[in-house]
Protein backbone atom coordinates (compact mmCIF):
# COMPACT_ATOMS: atom_id res chain seq x y z
CA MET A 1 -39.33 -67.23 51.10
CA SER A 2 -37.96 -69.15 47.87
CA ILE A 3 -39.20 -69.49 44.47
CA GLU A 4 -39.85 -73.08 45.22
CA ARG A 5 -41.39 -73.16 48.81
CA ALA A 6 -43.56 -70.88 46.96
CA ILE A 7 -44.96 -72.80 43.87
CA MET A 8 -45.22 -75.67 46.91
CA ALA A 9 -47.47 -73.30 48.46
CA PHE A 10 -49.40 -72.40 46.05
CA ALA A 11 -49.83 -75.81 44.44
CA GLY A 12 -51.04 -76.98 47.19
CA PHE A 13 -53.41 -74.21 47.90
CA MET A 14 -54.77 -74.31 43.94
CA VAL A 15 -55.19 -78.40 44.78
CA LEU A 16 -57.21 -77.57 47.90
CA LEU A 17 -59.30 -74.60 46.49
CA SER A 18 -60.33 -76.68 43.21
CA THR A 19 -60.69 -79.80 45.46
CA ILE A 20 -63.29 -77.85 47.61
CA LEU A 21 -64.72 -76.07 44.39
CA THR A 22 -65.48 -79.27 42.84
CA VAL A 23 -67.60 -80.64 46.16
CA TRP A 24 -69.23 -77.47 47.21
CA ILE A 25 -69.73 -75.61 43.31
CA ASN A 26 -69.68 -77.64 40.91
CA ASP A 27 -68.08 -80.93 39.68
CA ASN A 28 -66.44 -79.12 36.50
CA PHE A 29 -63.49 -77.93 38.63
CA ILE A 30 -62.08 -80.96 38.71
CA TRP A 31 -60.31 -79.92 35.40
CA LEU A 32 -58.43 -77.25 37.47
CA THR A 33 -56.89 -79.89 39.65
CA ILE A 34 -55.85 -82.12 36.67
CA PHE A 35 -53.82 -79.27 35.03
CA VAL A 36 -52.65 -78.10 38.17
CA GLY A 37 -50.80 -81.73 38.52
CA ALA A 38 -49.63 -81.80 34.95
CA ASN A 39 -48.39 -78.70 35.20
CA LEU A 40 -46.01 -80.03 38.24
CA LEU A 41 -45.45 -83.07 36.63
CA GLN A 42 -44.43 -81.68 32.93
CA SER A 43 -42.03 -78.76 34.56
CA ALA A 44 -40.53 -81.33 36.67
CA TYR A 45 -39.60 -82.83 33.69
CA THR A 46 -38.57 -79.75 31.76
CA GLY A 47 -38.20 -77.02 34.08
CA PHE A 48 -40.61 -74.60 32.86
CA CYS A 49 -42.78 -73.60 35.62
CA PRO A 50 -45.32 -70.44 34.47
CA ALA A 51 -46.00 -69.44 38.06
CA ALA A 52 -42.26 -69.32 38.98
CA ILE A 53 -41.80 -66.88 35.94
CA ILE A 54 -44.31 -64.71 37.70
CA MET A 55 -43.21 -65.24 41.11
CA ARG A 56 -39.87 -64.14 40.42
CA LYS A 57 -40.85 -60.87 38.42
CA LEU A 58 -42.50 -59.73 42.06
CA GLY A 59 -39.39 -60.40 43.40
CA LEU A 60 -38.76 -63.68 44.97
CA LYS A 61 -35.50 -65.43 44.74
CA SER A 62 -34.44 -69.11 44.34
CA GLU A 63 -32.55 -71.06 47.12
CA ALA A 64 -29.60 -70.53 45.36
CA GLN A 65 -29.66 -67.57 45.14
CA LEU A 66 -30.58 -66.75 49.05
CA ALA A 67 -27.49 -69.22 49.56
CA THR A 68 -25.43 -67.13 48.20
CA ALA A 69 -26.75 -63.87 49.36
CA ASN A 70 -26.18 -65.07 52.93
CA GLN A 71 -22.69 -66.27 52.51
CA LYS A 72 -21.89 -62.72 52.01
């Protein structure tokens, strides 16, 4: 799995989790949903994503790196 796909999966999971927590636990979990959405928006414009940095350190590779590795 590439970093790009892992980011989409992680963001989707966090939105679903925070929505469930908002409905069943406490209304203040809506702030987690807002934070995830704001982070996705800013990363689309700036290219900076803290989750991508962590995933890179965990050994995930980008789509470009995977494509280059498959060509060899």
